[in-house]
Protein backbone atom coordinates (compact mmCIF):
# COMPACT_ATOMS: atom_id res chain seq x y z
CA UNK A 1 0.00 0.00 0.00
CA UNK A 2 1.18 3.54 -0.65
CA UNK A 3 0.63 6.96 0.84
CA UNK A 4 1.18 9.56 -1.86
CA UNK A 5 1.78 12.99 -0.37
CA UNK A 6 1.32 15.72 -2.97
CA UNK A 7 3.01 19.03 -2.15
CA UNK A 8 1.90 21.96 -4.26
CA UNK A 9 4.80 23.90 -5.75
CA UNK A 10 2.64 26.49 -7.53
CA UNK A 11 -0.02 28.89 -6.23
CA UNK A 12 -3.55 27.61 -5.60
CA UNK A 13 -4.82 29.69 -8.53
CA UNK A 14 -2.78 27.46 -10.86
CA UNK A 15 -3.88 24.31 -9.00
CA UNK A 16 -7.54 25.30 -9.42
CA UNK A 17 -7.04 25.67 -13.19
CA UNK A 18 -6.21 21.94 -13.38
CA UNK A 19 -8.35 20.49 -10.56
CA UNK A 20 -11.07 19.12 -12.89
CA UNK A 21 -8.52 17.21 -14.99
CA UNK A 22 -6.76 15.99 -11.83
CA UNK A 23 -10.04 14.61 -10.50
CA UNK A 24 -10.78 12.92 -13.83
CA UNK A 25 -7.32 11.30 -13.60
CA UNK A 26 -8.16 10.09 -10.07
CA UNK A 27 -11.48 8.65 -11.28
CA UNK A 28 -9.69 6.45 -13.84
CA UNK A 29 -7.66 4.77 -11.11
CA UNK A 30 -10.55 4.54 -8.65
CA UNK A 31 -12.39 2.57 -11.35
CA UNK A 32 -9.37 0.22 -11.58
CA UNK A 33 -9.33 -0.26 -7.77
CA UNK A 34 -5.85 1.25 -7.50
CA UNK A 35 -6.74 4.47 -5.67
CA UNK A 36 -8.58 3.92 -2.39
CA UNK A 37 -8.97 7.45 -0.99
CA UNK A 38 -7.81 10.97 -1.80
CA UNK A 39 -8.33 14.56 -0.85
CA UNK A 40 -6.76 17.91 -0.03
CA UNK A 41 -4.68 18.46 3.08
CA UNK A 42 -5.57 21.04 5.70
CA UNK A 43 -4.04 23.57 5.33
CA UNK A 44 -4.46 23.23 1.57
CA UNK A 45 -0.82 23.00 0.58
CA UNK A 46 -1.25 19.67 -1.19
CA UNK A 47 -3.18 16.44 -1.01
CA UNK A 48 -3.04 12.77 -0.16
CA UNK A 49 -3.75 9.69 -2.28
CA UNK A 50 -3.97 6.24 -0.72
CA UNK A 51 -3.05 3.66 -3.34
CA UNK A 52 -3.41 -0.09 -3.28
CA UNK A 53 -0.40 -2.33 -3.00
CA UNK A 54 -1.75 -4.28 -6.00
CA UNK A 55 0.63 -2.25 -8.17
CA UNK A 56 4.41 -2.08 -8.01
CA UNK A 57 6.23 1.11 -7.16
CA UNK A 58 7.28 1.42 -10.81
CA UNK A 59 3.67 1.04 -11.93
CA UNK A 60 2.58 3.67 -9.40
CA UNK A 61 5.26 6.07 -10.64
CA UNK A 62 4.02 5.56 -14.21
CA UNK A 63 0.42 6.17 -13.11
CA UNK A 64 1.34 9.37 -11.28
CA UNK A 65 3.17 10.60 -14.38
CA UNK A 66 -0.30 10.82 -15.98
CA UNK A 67 -1.55 13.25 -13.31
CA UNK A 68 -2.11 16.72 -14.79
CA UNK A 69 -0.60 18.16 -11.60
CA UNK A 70 2.67 16.39 -12.40
CA UNK A 71 2.49 17.05 -16.13
CA UNK A 72 2.16 20.79 -15.51
CA UNK A 73 4.78 20.95 -12.74
CA UNK A 74 2.19 21.91 -10.10
CA UNK A 75 3.08 19.38 -7.40
CA UNK A 76 5.83 17.10 -6.21
CA UNK A 77 5.12 13.64 -4.84
CA UNK A 78 6.54 12.01 -1.71
CA UNK A 79 5.60 8.33 -1.65
CA UNK A 80 5.66 6.06 1.38
CA UNK A 81 5.18 2.34 0.87
CA UNK A 82 3.99 0.20 3.75
CA UNK A 83 2.55 -3.25 4.35
CA UNK A 84 -0.56 -3.11 6.53
CA UNK A 85 -0.52 -5.98 8.99
CA UNK A 86 -3.79 -4.89 10.61
CA UNK A 87 -6.81 -3.34 9.00
CA UNK A 88 -10.54 -2.96 9.35
CA UNK A 89 -12.47 -5.87 7.89
CA UNK A 90 -14.15 -3.57 5.38
CA UNK A 91 -10.77 -3.19 3.67
CA UNK A 92 -10.26 -6.91 3.08
CA UNK A 93 -9.56 -7.58 -0.56
CA UNK A 94 -8.85 -4.00 -1.59
CA UNK A 95 -5.49 -3.37 0.03
PDB file of N, CA and C in Angstrom:
ATOM      1  N   UNK A   1       0.857  -1.166   0.000  1.00  0.00           N
ATOM      2  CA  UNK A   1       0.000   0.000   0.000  1.00  0.00           C
ATOM      3  C   UNK A   1       0.902   1.228   0.000  1.00  0.00           C
ATOM      4  N   UNK A   2       0.382   2.317  -0.523  1.00  0.00           N
ATOM      5  CA  UNK A   2       1.177   3.544  -0.648  1.00  0.00           C
ATOM      6  C   UNK A   2       0.402   4.744  -0.120  1.00  0.00           C
ATOM      7  N   UNK A   3       1.136   5.634   0.500  1.00  0.00           N
ATOM      8  CA  UNK A   3       0.627   6.956   0.839  1.00  0.00           C
ATOM      9  C   UNK A   3       1.358   7.921  -0.084  1.00  0.00           C
ATOM     10  N   UNK A   4       0.606   8.591  -0.939  1.00  0.00           N
ATOM     11  CA  UNK A   4       1.185   9.560  -1.864  1.00  0.00           C
ATOM     12  C   UNK A   4       0.870  10.943  -1.317  1.00  0.00           C
ATOM     13  N   UNK A   5       1.910  11.650  -0.936  1.00  0.00           N
ATOM     14  CA  UNK A   5       1.784  12.987  -0.375  1.00  0.00           C
ATOM     15  C   UNK A   5       2.121  13.990  -1.473  1.00  0.00           C
ATOM     16  N   UNK A   6       1.103  14.691  -1.969  1.00  0.00           N
ATOM     17  CA  UNK A   6       1.318  15.725  -2.974  1.00  0.00           C
ATOM     18  C   UNK A   6       1.605  17.038  -2.263  1.00  0.00           C
ATOM     19  N   UNK A   7       2.648  17.718  -2.696  1.00  0.00           N
ATOM     20  CA  UNK A   7       3.007  19.028  -2.154  1.00  0.00           C
ATOM     21  C   UNK A   7       2.934  20.015  -3.317  1.00  0.00           C
ATOM     22  N   UNK A   8       2.032  20.974  -3.193  1.00  0.00           N
ATOM     23  CA  UNK A   8       1.901  21.965  -4.258  1.00  0.00           C
ATOM     24  C   UNK A   8       3.154  22.819  -4.327  1.00  0.00           C
ATOM     25  N   UNK A   9       3.625  23.057  -5.537  1.00  0.00           N
ATOM     26  CA  UNK A   9       4.798  23.896  -5.747  1.00  0.00           C
ATOM     27  C   UNK A   9       4.441  25.155  -6.534  1.00  0.00           C
ATOM     28  N   UNK A  10       3.168  25.306  -6.828  1.00  0.00           N
ATOM     29  CA  UNK A  10       2.645  26.490  -7.527  1.00  0.00           C
ATOM     30  C   UNK A  10       1.475  27.044  -6.722  1.00  0.00           C
ATOM     31  N   UNK A  11       1.100  28.290  -6.967  1.00  0.00           N
ATOM     32  CA  UNK A  11      -0.024  28.892  -6.232  1.00  0.00           C
ATOM     33  C   UNK A  11      -1.344  28.157  -6.470  1.00  0.00           C
ATOM     34  N   UNK A  12      -2.250  28.267  -5.496  1.00  0.00           N
ATOM     35  CA  UNK A  12      -3.554  27.612  -5.599  1.00  0.00           C
ATOM     36  C   UNK A  12      -4.330  28.039  -6.844  1.00  0.00           C
ATOM     37  N   UNK A  13      -4.115  29.249  -7.308  1.00  0.00           N
ATOM     38  CA  UNK A  13      -4.819  29.688  -8.526  1.00  0.00           C
ATOM     39  C   UNK A  13      -4.462  28.791  -9.706  1.00  0.00           C
ATOM     40  N   UNK A  14      -3.193  28.366  -9.784  1.00  0.00           N
ATOM     41  CA  UNK A  14      -2.782  27.458 -10.862  1.00  0.00           C
ATOM     42  C   UNK A  14      -3.306  26.043 -10.612  1.00  0.00           C
ATOM     43  N   UNK A  15      -3.332  25.629  -9.344  1.00  0.00           N
ATOM     44  CA  UNK A  15      -3.879  24.309  -8.996  1.00  0.00           C
ATOM     45  C   UNK A  15      -5.344  24.245  -9.433  1.00  0.00           C
ATOM     46  N   UNK A  16      -6.111  25.264  -9.109  1.00  0.00           N
ATOM     47  CA  UNK A  16      -7.540  25.299  -9.423  1.00  0.00           C
ATOM     48  C   UNK A  16      -7.791  25.201 -10.928  1.00  0.00           C
ATOM     49  N   UNK A  17      -6.878  25.731 -11.737  1.00  0.00           N
ATOM     50  CA  UNK A  17      -7.041  25.666 -13.189  1.00  0.00           C
ATOM     51  C   UNK A  17      -7.006  24.220 -13.703  1.00  0.00           C
ATOM     52  N   UNK A  18      -6.390  23.323 -12.946  1.00  0.00           N
ATOM     53  CA  UNK A  18      -6.215  21.939 -13.381  1.00  0.00           C
ATOM     54  C   UNK A  18      -6.952  20.926 -12.503  1.00  0.00           C
ATOM     55  N   UNK A  19      -7.727  21.400 -11.531  1.00  0.00           N
ATOM     56  CA  UNK A  19      -8.352  20.489 -10.564  1.00  0.00           C
ATOM     57  C   UNK A  19      -9.345  19.527 -11.230  1.00  0.00           C
ATOM     58  N   UNK A  20     -10.099  19.992 -12.222  1.00  0.00           N
ATOM     59  CA  UNK A  20     -11.068  19.121 -12.891  1.00  0.00           C
ATOM     60  C   UNK A  20     -10.344  17.967 -13.590  1.00  0.00           C
ATOM     61  N   UNK A  21      -9.272  18.259 -14.301  1.00  0.00           N
ATOM     62  CA  UNK A  21      -8.519  17.213 -14.991  1.00  0.00           C
ATOM     63  C   UNK A  21      -7.833  16.281 -14.000  1.00  0.00           C
ATOM     64  N   UNK A  22      -7.360  16.824 -12.879  1.00  0.00           N
ATOM     65  CA  UNK A  22      -6.755  15.994 -11.834  1.00  0.00           C
ATOM     66  C   UNK A  22      -7.789  15.012 -11.281  1.00  0.00           C
ATOM     67  N   UNK A  23      -8.992  15.488 -11.036  1.00  0.00           N
ATOM     68  CA  UNK A  23     -10.043  14.609 -10.503  1.00  0.00           C
ATOM     69  C   UNK A  23     -10.468  13.562 -11.528  1.00  0.00           C
ATOM     70  N   UNK A  24     -10.477  13.911 -12.791  1.00  0.00           N
ATOM     71  CA  UNK A  24     -10.777  12.920 -13.833  1.00  0.00           C
ATOM     72  C   UNK A  24      -9.686  11.846 -13.857  1.00  0.00           C
ATOM     73  N   UNK A  25      -8.431  12.252 -13.704  1.00  0.00           N
ATOM     74  CA  UNK A  25      -7.317  11.304 -13.602  1.00  0.00           C
ATOM     75  C   UNK A  25      -7.538  10.363 -12.416  1.00  0.00           C
ATOM     76  N   UNK A  26      -7.904  10.923 -11.256  1.00  0.00           N
ATOM     77  CA  UNK A  26      -8.161  10.089 -10.074  1.00  0.00           C
ATOM     78  C   UNK A  26      -9.267   9.080 -10.352  1.00  0.00           C
ATOM     79  N   UNK A  27     -10.337   9.525 -10.998  1.00  0.00           N
ATOM     80  CA  UNK A  27     -11.481   8.651 -11.278  1.00  0.00           C
ATOM     81  C   UNK A  27     -11.079   7.420 -12.085  1.00  0.00           C
ATOM     82  N   UNK A  28     -10.153   7.584 -13.016  1.00  0.00           N
ATOM     83  CA  UNK A  28      -9.695   6.453 -13.835  1.00  0.00           C
ATOM     84  C   UNK A  28      -9.121   5.358 -12.939  1.00  0.00           C
ATOM     85  N   UNK A  29      -8.326   5.763 -11.949  1.00  0.00           N
ATOM     86  CA  UNK A  29      -7.655   4.769 -11.111  1.00  0.00           C
ATOM     87  C   UNK A  29      -8.498   4.315  -9.925  1.00  0.00           C
ATOM     88  N   UNK A  30      -9.538   5.067  -9.580  1.00  0.00           N
ATOM     89  CA  UNK A  30     -10.549   4.537  -8.654  1.00  0.00           C
ATOM     90  C   UNK A  30     -11.298   3.401  -9.346  1.00  0.00           C
ATOM     91  N   UNK A  31     -11.644   3.590 -10.607  1.00  0.00           N
ATOM     92  CA  UNK A  31     -12.387   2.570 -11.353  1.00  0.00           C
ATOM     93  C   UNK A  31     -11.579   1.282 -11.505  1.00  0.00           C
ATOM     94  N   UNK A  32     -10.258   1.393 -11.457  1.00  0.00           N
ATOM     95  CA  UNK A  32      -9.374   0.220 -11.583  1.00  0.00           C
ATOM     96  C   UNK A  32      -8.979  -0.347 -10.218  1.00  0.00           C
ATOM     97  N   UNK A  33      -9.602   0.185  -9.144  1.00  0.00           N
ATOM     98  CA  UNK A  33      -9.329  -0.264  -7.765  1.00  0.00           C
ATOM     99  C   UNK A  33      -7.877  -0.072  -7.344  1.00  0.00           C
ATOM    100  N   UNK A  34      -7.224   0.932  -7.898  1.00  0.00           N
ATOM    101  CA  UNK A  34      -5.848   1.247  -7.502  1.00  0.00           C
ATOM    102  C   UNK A  34      -5.837   2.361  -6.470  1.00  0.00           C
ATOM    103  N   UNK A  35      -6.630   3.402  -6.668  1.00  0.00           N
ATOM    104  CA  UNK A  35      -6.741   4.466  -5.673  1.00  0.00           C
ATOM    105  C   UNK A  35      -7.875   4.124  -4.719  1.00  0.00           C
ATOM    106  N   UNK A  36      -7.611   4.298  -3.428  1.00  0.00           N
ATOM    107  CA  UNK A  36      -8.579   3.924  -2.394  1.00  0.00           C
ATOM    108  C   UNK A  36      -9.207   5.131  -1.714  1.00  0.00           C
ATOM    109  N   UNK A  37      -8.472   6.220  -1.610  1.00  0.00           N
ATOM    110  CA  UNK A  37      -8.973   7.450  -0.989  1.00  0.00           C
ATOM    111  C   UNK A  37      -8.061   8.592  -1.429  1.00  0.00           C
ATOM    112  N   UNK A  38      -8.614   9.797  -1.451  1.00  0.00           N
ATOM    113  CA  UNK A  38      -7.808  10.969  -1.803  1.00  0.00           C
ATOM    114  C   UNK A  38      -8.514  12.220  -1.314  1.00  0.00           C
ATOM    115  N   UNK A  39      -7.743  13.280  -1.216  1.00  0.00           N
ATOM    116  CA  UNK A  39      -8.330  14.561  -0.847  1.00  0.00           C
ATOM    117  C   UNK A  39      -7.271  15.580  -0.501  1.00  0.00           C
ATOM    118  N   UNK A  40      -7.703  16.836  -0.366  1.00  0.00           N
ATOM    119  CA  UNK A  40      -6.765  17.905  -0.033  1.00  0.00           C
ATOM    120  C   UNK A  40      -6.342  17.845   1.433  1.00  0.00           C
ATOM    121  N   UNK A  41      -5.155  18.354   1.702  1.00  0.00           N
ATOM    122  CA  UNK A  41      -4.676  18.462   3.081  1.00  0.00           C
ATOM    123  C   UNK A  41      -5.216  19.759   3.684  1.00  0.00           C
ATOM    124  N   UNK A  42      -5.167  19.831   4.978  1.00  0.00           N
ATOM    125  CA  UNK A  42      -5.571  21.035   5.699  1.00  0.00           C
ATOM    126  C   UNK A  42      -4.420  21.439   6.608  1.00  0.00           C
ATOM    127  N   UNK A  43      -3.733  22.548   6.335  1.00  0.00           N
ATOM    128  CA  UNK A  43      -4.044  23.567   5.330  1.00  0.00           C
ATOM    129  C   UNK A  43      -3.823  23.040   3.915  1.00  0.00           C
ATOM    130  N   UNK A  44      -4.431  23.709   2.966  1.00  0.00           N
ATOM    131  CA  UNK A  44      -4.456  23.235   1.574  1.00  0.00           C
ATOM    132  C   UNK A  44      -3.149  23.566   0.850  1.00  0.00           C
ATOM    133  N   UNK A  45      -2.120  22.839   1.230  1.00  0.00           N
ATOM    134  CA  UNK A  45      -0.820  22.996   0.580  1.00  0.00           C
ATOM    135  C   UNK A  45      -0.458  21.758  -0.236  1.00  0.00           C
ATOM    136  N   UNK A  46      -1.451  20.904  -0.440  1.00  0.00           N
ATOM    137  CA  UNK A  46      -1.249  19.672  -1.194  1.00  0.00           C
ATOM    138  C   UNK A  46      -2.388  18.724  -0.941  1.00  0.00           C
ATOM    139  N   UNK A  47      -2.144  17.446  -1.199  1.00  0.00           N
ATOM    140  CA  UNK A  47      -3.180  16.441  -1.011  1.00  0.00           C
ATOM    141  C   UNK A  47      -2.566  15.092  -0.711  1.00  0.00           C
ATOM    142  N   UNK A  48      -3.437  14.133  -0.465  1.00  0.00           N
ATOM    143  CA  UNK A  48      -3.036  12.767  -0.161  1.00  0.00           C
ATOM    144  C   UNK A  48      -3.803  11.818  -1.072  1.00  0.00           C
ATOM    145  N   UNK A  49      -3.110  10.800  -1.566  1.00  0.00           N
ATOM    146  CA  UNK A  49      -3.747   9.692  -2.280  1.00  0.00           C
ATOM    147  C   UNK A  49      -3.317   8.414  -1.571  1.00  0.00           C
ATOM    148  N   UNK A  50      -4.276   7.586  -1.203  1.00  0.00           N
ATOM    149  CA  UNK A  50      -3.969   6.237  -0.717  1.00  0.00           C
ATOM    150  C   UNK A  50      -4.121   5.297  -1.896  1.00  0.00           C
ATOM    151  N   UNK A  51      -3.046   4.554  -2.186  1.00  0.00           N
ATOM    152  CA  UNK A  51      -3.048   3.663  -3.338  1.00  0.00           C
ATOM    153  C   UNK A  51      -2.842   2.226  -2.889  1.00  0.00           C
ATOM    154  N   UNK A  52      -3.484   1.328  -3.577  1.00  0.00           N
ATOM    155  CA  UNK A  52      -3.406  -0.094  -3.283  1.00  0.00           C
ATOM    156  C   UNK A  52      -2.007  -0.632  -3.532  1.00  0.00           C
ATOM    157  N   UNK A  53      -1.652  -1.643  -2.782  1.00  0.00           N
ATOM    158  CA  UNK A  53      -0.400  -2.333  -3.005  1.00  0.00           C
ATOM    159  C   UNK A  53      -0.481  -3.345  -4.130  1.00  0.00           C
ATOM    160  N   UNK A  54      -1.585  -3.348  -4.870  1.00  0.00           N
ATOM    161  CA  UNK A  54      -1.746  -4.275  -5.997  1.00  0.00           C
ATOM    162  C   UNK A  54      -0.868  -3.887  -7.175  1.00  0.00           C
ATOM    163  N   UNK A  55      -0.274  -2.697  -7.121  1.00  0.00           N
ATOM    164  CA  UNK A  55       0.635  -2.255  -8.175  1.00  0.00           C
ATOM    165  C   UNK A  55       2.040  -2.132  -7.593  1.00  0.00           C
ATOM    166  N   UNK A  56       3.019  -2.253  -8.442  1.00  0.00           N
ATOM    167  CA  UNK A  56       4.406  -2.076  -8.010  1.00  0.00           C
ATOM    168  C   UNK A  56       4.720  -0.590  -7.896  1.00  0.00           C
ATOM    169  N   UNK A  57       5.821  -0.294  -7.294  1.00  0.00           N
ATOM    170  CA  UNK A  57       6.233   1.107  -7.162  1.00  0.00           C
ATOM    171  C   UNK A  57       6.469   1.710  -8.552  1.00  0.00           C
ATOM    172  N   UNK A  58       7.055   0.933  -9.446  1.00  0.00           N
ATOM    173  CA  UNK A  58       7.280   1.423 -10.809  1.00  0.00           C
ATOM    174  C   UNK A  58       5.955   1.715 -11.505  1.00  0.00           C
ATOM    175  N   UNK A  59       4.994   0.818 -11.338  1.00  0.00           N
ATOM    176  CA  UNK A  59       3.668   1.044 -11.931  1.00  0.00           C
ATOM    177  C   UNK A  59       3.020   2.293 -11.344  1.00  0.00           C
ATOM    178  N   UNK A  60       3.152   2.480 -10.025  1.00  0.00           N
ATOM    179  CA  UNK A  60       2.577   3.674  -9.401  1.00  0.00           C
ATOM    180  C   UNK A  60       3.242   4.936  -9.944  1.00  0.00           C
ATOM    181  N   UNK A  61       4.554   4.916 -10.076  1.00  0.00           N
ATOM    182  CA  UNK A  61       5.256   6.074 -10.638  1.00  0.00           C
ATOM    183  C   UNK A  61       4.756   6.391 -12.039  1.00  0.00           C
ATOM    184  N   UNK A  62       4.531   5.355 -12.851  1.00  0.00           N
ATOM    185  CA  UNK A  62       4.017   5.560 -14.208  1.00  0.00           C
ATOM    186  C   UNK A  62       2.599   6.122 -14.189  1.00  0.00           C
ATOM    187  N   UNK A  63       1.783   5.647 -13.257  1.00  0.00           N
ATOM    188  CA  UNK A  63       0.421   6.169 -13.113  1.00  0.00           C
ATOM    189  C   UNK A  63       0.467   7.643 -12.735  1.00  0.00           C
ATOM    190  N   UNK A  64       1.276   7.983 -11.743  1.00  0.00           N
ATOM    191  CA  UNK A  64       1.345   9.373 -11.278  1.00  0.00           C
ATOM    192  C   UNK A  64       1.891  10.312 -12.353  1.00  0.00           C
ATOM    193  N   UNK A  65       2.669   9.775 -13.273  1.00  0.00           N
ATOM    194  CA  UNK A  65       3.168  10.599 -14.377  1.00  0.00           C
ATOM    195  C   UNK A  65       2.033  11.079 -15.278  1.00  0.00           C
ATOM    196  N   UNK A  66       0.868  10.418 -15.205  1.00  0.00           N
ATOM    197  CA  UNK A  66      -0.303  10.824 -15.983  1.00  0.00           C
ATOM    198  C   UNK A  66      -1.093  11.952 -15.319  1.00  0.00           C
ATOM    199  N   UNK A  67      -0.802  12.231 -14.060  1.00  0.00           N
ATOM    200  CA  UNK A  67      -1.549  13.248 -13.314  1.00  0.00           C
ATOM    201  C   UNK A  67      -1.271  14.629 -13.912  1.00  0.00           C
ATOM    202  N   UNK A  68      -2.320  15.371 -14.274  1.00  0.00           N
ATOM    203  CA  UNK A  68      -2.107  16.722 -14.785  1.00  0.00           C
ATOM    204  C   UNK A  68      -1.292  17.608 -13.836  1.00  0.00           C
ATOM    205  N   UNK A  69      -1.410  17.385 -12.540  1.00  0.00           N
ATOM    206  CA  UNK A  69      -0.603  18.161 -11.605  1.00  0.00           C
ATOM    207  C   UNK A  69       0.880  17.921 -11.843  1.00  0.00           C
ATOM    208  N   UNK A  70       1.257  16.684 -12.134  1.00  0.00           N
ATOM    209  CA  UNK A  70       2.666  16.389 -12.402  1.00  0.00           C
ATOM    210  C   UNK A  70       3.047  16.866 -13.800  1.00  0.00           C
ATOM    211  N   UNK A  71       2.180  16.655 -14.760  1.00  0.00           N
ATOM    212  CA  UNK A  71       2.485  17.047 -16.135  1.00  0.00           C
ATOM    213  C   UNK A  71       2.697  18.545 -16.283  1.00  0.00           C
ATOM    214  N   UNK A  72       2.044  19.330 -15.436  1.00  0.00           N
ATOM    215  CA  UNK A  72       2.164  20.791 -15.513  1.00  0.00           C
ATOM    216  C   UNK A  72       3.092  21.358 -14.433  1.00  0.00           C
ATOM    217  N   UNK A  73       3.811  20.490 -13.735  1.00  0.00           N
ATOM    218  CA  UNK A  73       4.776  20.946 -12.736  1.00  0.00           C
ATOM    219  C   UNK A  73       4.139  21.661 -11.555  1.00  0.00           C
ATOM    220  N   UNK A  74       2.928  21.233 -11.174  1.00  0.00           N
ATOM    221  CA  UNK A  74       2.192  21.905 -10.103  1.00  0.00           C
ATOM    222  C   UNK A  74       2.454  21.311  -8.727  1.00  0.00           C
ATOM    223  N   UNK A  75       2.910  20.057  -8.689  1.00  0.00           N
ATOM    224  CA  UNK A  75       3.083  19.382  -7.403  1.00  0.00           C
ATOM    225  C   UNK A  75       4.277  18.442  -7.482  1.00  0.00           C
ATOM    226  N   UNK A  76       4.844  18.175  -6.314  1.00  0.00           N
ATOM    227  CA  UNK A  76       5.831  17.101  -6.211  1.00  0.00           C
ATOM    228  C   UNK A  76       5.208  16.014  -5.353  1.00  0.00           C
ATOM    229  N   UNK A  77       5.739  14.809  -5.445  1.00  0.00           N
ATOM    230  CA  UNK A  77       5.121  13.643  -4.836  1.00  0.00           C
ATOM    231  C   UNK A  77       6.128  12.948  -3.928  1.00  0.00           C
ATOM    232  N   UNK A  78       5.777  12.818  -2.657  1.00  0.00           N
ATOM    233  CA  UNK A  78       6.540  12.007  -1.715  1.00  0.00           C
ATOM    234  C   UNK A  78       5.725  10.746  -1.485  1.00  0.00           C
ATOM    235  N   UNK A  79       6.327   9.599  -1.721  1.00  0.00           N
ATOM    236  CA  UNK A  79       5.602   8.330  -1.651  1.00  0.00           C
ATOM    237  C   UNK A  79       6.183   7.465  -0.543  1.00  0.00           C
ATOM    238  N   UNK A  80       5.282   6.978   0.316  1.00  0.00           N
ATOM    239  CA  UNK A  80       5.655   6.057   1.384  1.00  0.00           C
ATOM    240  C   UNK A  80       4.955   4.738   1.116  1.00  0.00           C
ATOM    241  N   UNK A  81       5.744   3.674   1.036  1.00  0.00           N
ATOM    242  CA  UNK A  81       5.175   2.340   0.871  1.00  0.00           C
ATOM    243  C   UNK A  81       5.145   1.656   2.228  1.00  0.00           C
ATOM    244  N   UNK A  82       4.041   0.972   2.513  1.00  0.00           N
ATOM    245  CA  UNK A  82       3.986   0.197   3.748  1.00  0.00           C
ATOM    246  C   UNK A  82       3.118  -1.031   3.542  1.00  0.00           C
ATOM    247  N   UNK A  83       3.320  -2.015   4.409  1.00  0.00           N
ATOM    248  CA  UNK A  83       2.548  -3.248   4.353  1.00  0.00           C
ATOM    249  C   UNK A  83       1.646  -3.310   5.575  1.00  0.00           C
ATOM    250  N   UNK A  84       0.351  -3.061   5.393  1.00  0.00           N
ATOM    251  CA  UNK A  84      -0.556  -3.109   6.531  1.00  0.00           C
ATOM    252  C   UNK A  84      -0.628  -4.536   7.093  1.00  0.00           C
ATOM    253  N   UNK A  85      -0.377  -4.663   8.378  1.00  0.00           N
ATOM    254  CA  UNK A  85      -0.518  -5.982   8.993  1.00  0.00           C
ATOM    255  C   UNK A  85      -1.783  -6.069   9.838  1.00  0.00           C
ATOM    256  N   UNK A  86      -2.463  -4.933   9.994  1.00  0.00           N
ATOM    257  CA  UNK A  86      -3.792  -4.893  10.614  1.00  0.00           C
ATOM    258  C   UNK A  86      -4.632  -3.917   9.809  1.00  0.00           C
ATOM    259  N   UNK A  87      -5.901  -4.243   9.690  1.00  0.00           N
ATOM    260  CA  UNK A  87      -6.814  -3.335   9.003  1.00  0.00           C
ATOM    261  C   UNK A  87      -8.248  -3.690   9.374  1.00  0.00           C
ATOM    262  N   UNK A  88      -9.121  -2.753   9.154  1.00  0.00           N
ATOM    263  CA  UNK A  88     -10.542  -2.956   9.354  1.00  0.00           C
ATOM    264  C   UNK A  88     -11.024  -3.993   8.349  1.00  0.00           C
ATOM    265  N   UNK A  89     -11.936  -4.828   8.758  1.00  0.00           N
ATOM    266  CA  UNK A  89     -12.469  -5.874   7.886  1.00  0.00           C
ATOM    267  C   UNK A  89     -13.054  -5.352   6.585  1.00  0.00           C
ATOM    268  N   UNK A  90     -13.573  -4.140   6.596  1.00  0.00           N
ATOM    269  CA  UNK A  90     -14.150  -3.568   5.380  1.00  0.00           C
ATOM    270  C   UNK A  90     -13.108  -3.379   4.283  1.00  0.00           C
ATOM    271  N   UNK A  91     -11.841  -3.384   4.659  1.00  0.00           N
ATOM    272  CA  UNK A  91     -10.772  -3.190   3.669  1.00  0.00           C
ATOM    273  C   UNK A  91     -10.240  -4.500   3.102  1.00  0.00           C
ATOM    274  N   UNK A  92     -10.720  -5.612   3.587  1.00  0.00           N
ATOM    275  CA  UNK A  92     -10.259  -6.906   3.081  1.00  0.00           C
ATOM    276  C   UNK A  92     -10.482  -6.979   1.569  1.00  0.00           C
ATOM    277  N   UNK A  93      -9.464  -7.416   0.885  1.00  0.00           N
ATOM    278  CA  UNK A  93      -9.564  -7.581  -0.563  1.00  0.00           C
ATOM    279  C   UNK A  93      -9.268  -6.360  -1.401  1.00  0.00           C
ATOM    280  N   UNK A  94      -9.145  -5.189  -0.774  1.00  0.00           N
ATOM    281  CA  UNK A  94      -8.846  -4.003  -1.589  1.00  0.00           C
ATOM    282  C   UNK A  94      -7.474  -3.423  -1.307  1.00  0.00           C
ATOM    283  N   UNK A  95      -6.817  -3.898  -0.267  1.00  0.00           N
ATOM    284  CA  UNK A  95      -5.490  -3.372   0.033  1.00  0.00           C
ATOM    285  C   UNK A  95      -4.471  -3.976  -0.906  1.00  0.00           C
TER     286      UNK A  95
END
